[in-house]
Amino acid sequence: MNAFSGEGWDGAWKAGVVGLATGAWNASGGFGMVKGFEATSDIGKLAGKLGYQMIGTAGNSIGNNWARGENPFSKVTLGVGPVNLTLGKGQKLLQWKNNLGNIATNAFGLGNLAFGGKAKFDWKNLASVYTGGLMEKMGGAWGPYSAMGPDGWTQQSLQHEMHHIWQSRAFGDTFLLHYGLHGFVASIQGKSPIDFIFVRNYFEAQAYGHYWFNP
């Protein structure tokens, strides 16, 4: 995109480097960091998850600034659990633009309380979990940014959804775009939506395989 936004090919190759580096970090779980490097304590496990998220979000924003020819540290997003902070001279610490996924899912979850829904907070993952109410009509559980869905289904697949929680936190508000691109690849290959979700989608393969967290 930088090649067509005034930065020329210099910005384009830089953007490519940033995309490759951050994509490898985020998709691999920080090369094992998200698992706490096999830590056994809850604190050690959470530290690994937060480290994975912080490096992913900060590295991506620093790299994007560099690719645009700006001061790399002028505006840095630092994800800390369910909140993205904005660091840099003159920046407001809390901004809505880099918290859209968090805002939307939590607004829906909290609004569902008026219809008999339930909410709890998973301290091991610093994540909100919403069930019941209107969500009982959902066809399955949802994981990006906040976990939600029918109560029984969500509780049964909670560790699956926590993969999506941390995937989405590392990628930020672009996660669903990355997720959807897997569907585009499947569609041009003539594959079915089921194949896209369960076979061709790397993020789902991680979650179904419990690559990071055991059920």
Protein backbone atom coordinates (compact mmCIF):
# COMPACT_ATOMS: atom_id res chain seq x y z
CA MET A 1 0.00 0.00 0.00
CA ASN A 2 2.87 2.37 0.70
CA ALA A 3 3.89 2.26 -2.95
CA PHE A 4 0.59 3.93 -3.82
CA SER A 5 0.35 6.33 -0.89
CA GLY A 6 3.23 8.69 -1.60
CA GLU A 7 6.02 6.60 -0.11
CA GLY A 8 7.07 4.99 -3.39
CA TRP A 9 8.84 1.68 -3.71
CA ASP A 10 11.08 2.47 -0.76
CA GLY A 11 8.03 2.42 1.46
CA ALA A 12 6.73 -0.67 -0.31
CA TRP A 13 9.73 -2.87 0.45
CA LYS A 14 9.83 -1.59 4.01
CA ALA A 15 6.15 -2.45 4.42
CA GLY A 16 6.91 -5.91 3.06
CA VAL A 17 9.66 -6.43 5.62
CA VAL A 18 7.38 -5.26 8.43
CA GLY A 19 4.54 -7.49 7.26
CA LEU A 20 6.79 -10.52 7.02
CA ALA A 21 8.37 -9.98 10.43
CA THR A 22 5.20 -9.17 12.35
CA GLY A 23 3.22 -11.85 10.54
CA ALA A 24 5.78 -14.48 11.49
CA TRP A 25 5.79 -13.30 15.09
CA ASN A 26 2.04 -13.12 15.47
CA ALA A 27 1.18 -16.31 13.63
CA SER A 28 3.78 -18.38 15.48
CA GLY A 29 2.74 -17.19 18.92
CA GLY A 30 5.98 -15.27 19.30
CA PHE A 31 7.94 -18.46 18.58
CA GLY A 32 6.61 -19.99 21.78
CA MET A 33 6.36 -16.93 24.00
CA VAL A 34 2.55 -17.05 24.07
CA LYS A 35 2.86 -20.39 25.86
CA GLY A 36 5.12 -18.81 28.46
CA PHE A 37 7.97 -20.94 27.15
CA GLU A 38 6.34 -23.89 28.93
CA ALA A 39 5.96 -22.04 32.26
CA THR A 40 3.96 -23.98 34.84
CA SER A 41 2.67 -21.12 37.02
CA ASP A 42 -0.35 -19.02 36.05
CA ILE A 43 1.74 -15.85 36.41
CA GLY A 44 4.44 -17.22 34.13
CA LYS A 45 1.88 -18.25 31.53
CA LEU A 46 0.17 -14.85 31.62
CA ALA A 47 3.53 -13.07 31.36
CA GLY A 48 4.29 -15.02 28.20
CA LYS A 49 0.92 -14.13 26.66
CA LEU A 50 1.31 -10.45 27.50
CA GLY A 51 4.88 -10.39 26.22
CA TYR A 52 3.72 -11.92 22.94
CA GLN A 53 0.97 -9.31 22.61
CA MET A 54 3.12 -6.34 23.60
CA ILE A 55 5.95 -7.18 21.22
CA GLY A 56 3.49 -7.90 18.42
CA THR A 57 1.51 -4.67 18.74
CA ALA A 58 4.47 -2.39 19.44
CA GLY A 59 6.61 -3.98 16.75
CA ASN A 60 3.87 -3.63 14.17
CA SER A 61 3.21 0.06 14.86
CA ILE A 62 6.93 0.93 15.06
CA GLY A 63 7.51 -0.90 11.79
CA ASN A 64 4.59 0.80 10.06
CA ASN A 65 5.86 4.22 11.16
CA TRP A 66 9.28 3.37 9.74
CA ALA A 67 7.75 2.18 6.45
CA ARG A 68 5.85 5.47 6.14
CA GLY A 69 9.03 7.48 6.66
CA GLU A 70 7.90 8.76 10.06
CA ASN A 71 9.61 8.73 13.44
CA PRO A 72 9.31 5.04 14.40
CA PHE A 73 8.37 5.94 17.98
CA SER A 74 6.05 8.87 17.26
CA LYS A 75 2.90 6.80 17.85
CA VAL A 76 3.23 3.30 19.26
CA THR A 77 0.38 0.94 20.10
CA LEU A 78 1.07 -1.26 23.11
CA GLY A 79 -1.50 -3.96 23.75
CA VAL A 80 -2.00 -4.96 27.38
CA GLY A 81 -4.66 -7.62 27.64
CA PRO A 82 -8.05 -6.20 26.61
CA VAL A 83 -6.77 -2.64 26.10
CA ASN A 84 -4.49 -1.05 23.52
CA LEU A 85 -2.51 1.90 24.86
CA THR A 86 -1.01 4.59 22.64
CA LEU A 87 2.47 5.82 23.50
CA GLY A 88 4.35 8.75 22.02
CA LYS A 89 4.88 12.47 22.48
CA GLY A 90 1.55 14.30 22.50
CA GLN A 91 -0.49 11.10 22.20
CA LYS A 92 -3.53 10.30 24.33
CA LEU A 93 -2.92 7.09 26.23
CA LEU A 94 -6.37 5.69 25.46
CA GLN A 95 -7.69 6.08 21.92
CA TRP A 96 -10.73 4.48 20.35
CA LYS A 97 -9.26 4.01 16.88
CA ASN A 98 -6.96 1.17 17.90
CA ASN A 99 -9.54 -0.38 20.23
CA LEU A 100 -12.42 -0.89 17.81
CA GLY A 101 -12.56 -4.66 18.19
CA ASN A 102 -12.44 -4.45 21.97
CA ILE A 103 -15.10 -1.73 22.08
CA ALA A 104 -17.50 -3.48 19.69
CA THR A 105 -17.39 -6.93 21.29
CA ASN A 106 -17.60 -5.65 24.85
CA ALA A 107 -20.45 -3.29 23.95
CA PHE A 108 -22.37 -6.21 22.49
CA GLY A 109 -21.59 -8.40 25.49
CA LEU A 110 -22.61 -5.78 28.03
CA GLY A 111 -25.73 -4.91 26.06
CA ASN A 112 -26.69 -8.58 26.10
CA LEU A 113 -26.94 -8.41 29.90
CA ALA A 114 -30.24 -6.59 29.44
CA PHE A 115 -31.59 -9.72 27.74
CA GLY A 116 -30.60 -12.14 30.46
CA GLY A 117 -27.02 -12.64 29.39
CA LYS A 118 -24.13 -13.40 31.71
CA ALA A 119 -20.62 -11.98 31.95
CA LYS A 120 -17.48 -13.12 33.69
CA PHE A 121 -13.81 -12.25 33.52
CA ASP A 122 -11.17 -14.87 32.79
CA TRP A 123 -8.20 -13.68 34.85
CA LYS A 124 -5.83 -16.23 33.33
CA ASN A 125 -6.29 -14.52 29.98
CA LEU A 126 -7.53 -11.07 31.05
CA ALA A 127 -10.55 -11.66 28.84
CA SER A 128 -14.27 -11.02 29.10
CA VAL A 129 -16.55 -14.02 28.52
CA TYR A 130 -20.18 -13.33 27.59
CA THR A 131 -22.87 -16.01 27.33
CA GLY A 132 -26.63 -16.48 27.59
CA GLY A 133 -29.36 -14.09 26.58
CA LEU A 134 -29.46 -13.37 22.85
CA MET A 135 -26.19 -15.26 22.45
CA GLU A 136 -28.02 -18.54 22.99
CA LYS A 137 -29.25 -18.06 19.42
CA MET A 138 -25.72 -17.89 18.01
CA GLY A 139 -24.63 -20.85 15.91
CA GLY A 140 -21.37 -21.22 17.80
CA ALA A 141 -18.83 -19.47 19.99
CA TRP A 142 -16.86 -16.36 19.01
CA GLY A 143 -13.32 -15.62 20.16
CA PRO A 144 -11.76 -12.48 18.64
CA TYR A 145 -11.34 -9.66 21.22
CA SER A 146 -13.93 -11.12 23.65
CA ALA A 147 -15.26 -14.67 24.03
CA MET A 148 -19.01 -15.07 23.57
CA GLY A 149 -21.71 -17.46 22.49
CA PRO A 150 -24.19 -20.04 23.82
CA ASP A 151 -23.26 -20.87 27.40
CA GLY A 152 -22.64 -24.60 27.07
CA TRP A 153 -20.81 -24.31 23.76
CA THR A 154 -18.63 -21.43 24.92
CA GLN A 155 -17.62 -23.10 28.16
CA GLN A 156 -16.75 -26.31 26.33
CA SER A 157 -14.62 -24.55 23.72
CA LEU A 158 -13.17 -21.81 25.92
CA GLN A 159 -9.49 -22.69 25.36
CA HIS A 160 -10.18 -22.82 21.62
CA GLU A 161 -11.60 -19.30 21.79
CA MET A 162 -8.67 -18.09 23.90
CA HIS A 163 -6.44 -18.84 20.91
CA HIS A 164 -8.55 -16.34 18.97
CA ILE A 165 -8.42 -13.86 21.86
CA TRP A 166 -4.62 -13.71 21.74
CA GLN A 167 -4.40 -13.97 17.96
CA SER A 168 -6.69 -10.94 17.64
CA ARG A 169 -4.80 -9.03 20.31
CA ALA A 170 -1.49 -9.47 18.53
CA PHE A 171 -2.90 -8.55 15.11
CA GLY A 172 -5.12 -5.79 16.49
CA ASP A 173 -8.07 -4.53 14.49
CA THR A 174 -6.65 -6.10 11.31
CA PHE A 175 -7.19 -9.62 12.64
CA LEU A 176 -10.55 -10.20 10.96
CA LEU A 177 -9.05 -8.99 7.67
CA HIS A 178 -6.26 -11.54 7.97
CA TYR A 179 -8.81 -14.19 8.96
CA GLY A 180 -11.01 -13.34 6.00
CA LEU A 181 -8.13 -13.55 3.53
CA HIS A 182 -7.97 -17.26 4.30
CA GLY A 183 -11.54 -17.47 3.04
CA PHE A 184 -10.56 -15.65 -0.15
CA VAL A 185 -7.81 -18.16 -0.82
CA ALA A 186 -10.22 -21.03 -0.23
CA SER A 187 -12.84 -19.48 -2.53
CA ILE A 188 -10.47 -19.03 -5.48
CA GLN A 189 -9.48 -22.67 -5.01
CA GLY A 190 -13.13 -23.61 -5.32
CA LYS A 191 -13.33 -24.79 -1.72
CA SER A 192 -16.43 -24.71 0.45
CA PRO A 193 -16.91 -22.40 3.47
CA ILE A 194 -16.62 -25.46 5.72
CA ASP A 195 -13.24 -26.26 4.16
CA PHE A 196 -12.20 -22.64 4.70
CA ILE A 197 -13.09 -22.69 8.40
CA PHE A 198 -11.85 -26.13 9.37
CA VAL A 199 -9.06 -26.91 6.91
CA ARG A 200 -7.65 -23.90 5.09
CA ASN A 201 -7.77 -21.42 7.94
CA TYR A 202 -4.46 -21.28 9.81
CA PHE A 203 -5.97 -19.53 12.82
CA GLU A 204 -8.61 -22.22 13.22
CA ALA A 205 -6.02 -24.95 12.77
CA GLN A 206 -4.07 -23.48 15.69
CA ALA A 207 -7.18 -23.34 17.86
CA TYR A 208 -8.56 -26.78 16.98
CA GLY A 209 -5.12 -28.30 17.45
CA HIS A 210 -4.70 -26.52 20.80
CA TYR A 211 -1.24 -25.43 19.68
CA TRP A 212 -0.95 -22.89 22.48
CA PHE A 213 -3.36 -23.84 25.26
CA ASN A 214 -4.66 -27.24 26.25
CA PRO A 215 -8.40 -27.82 26.82
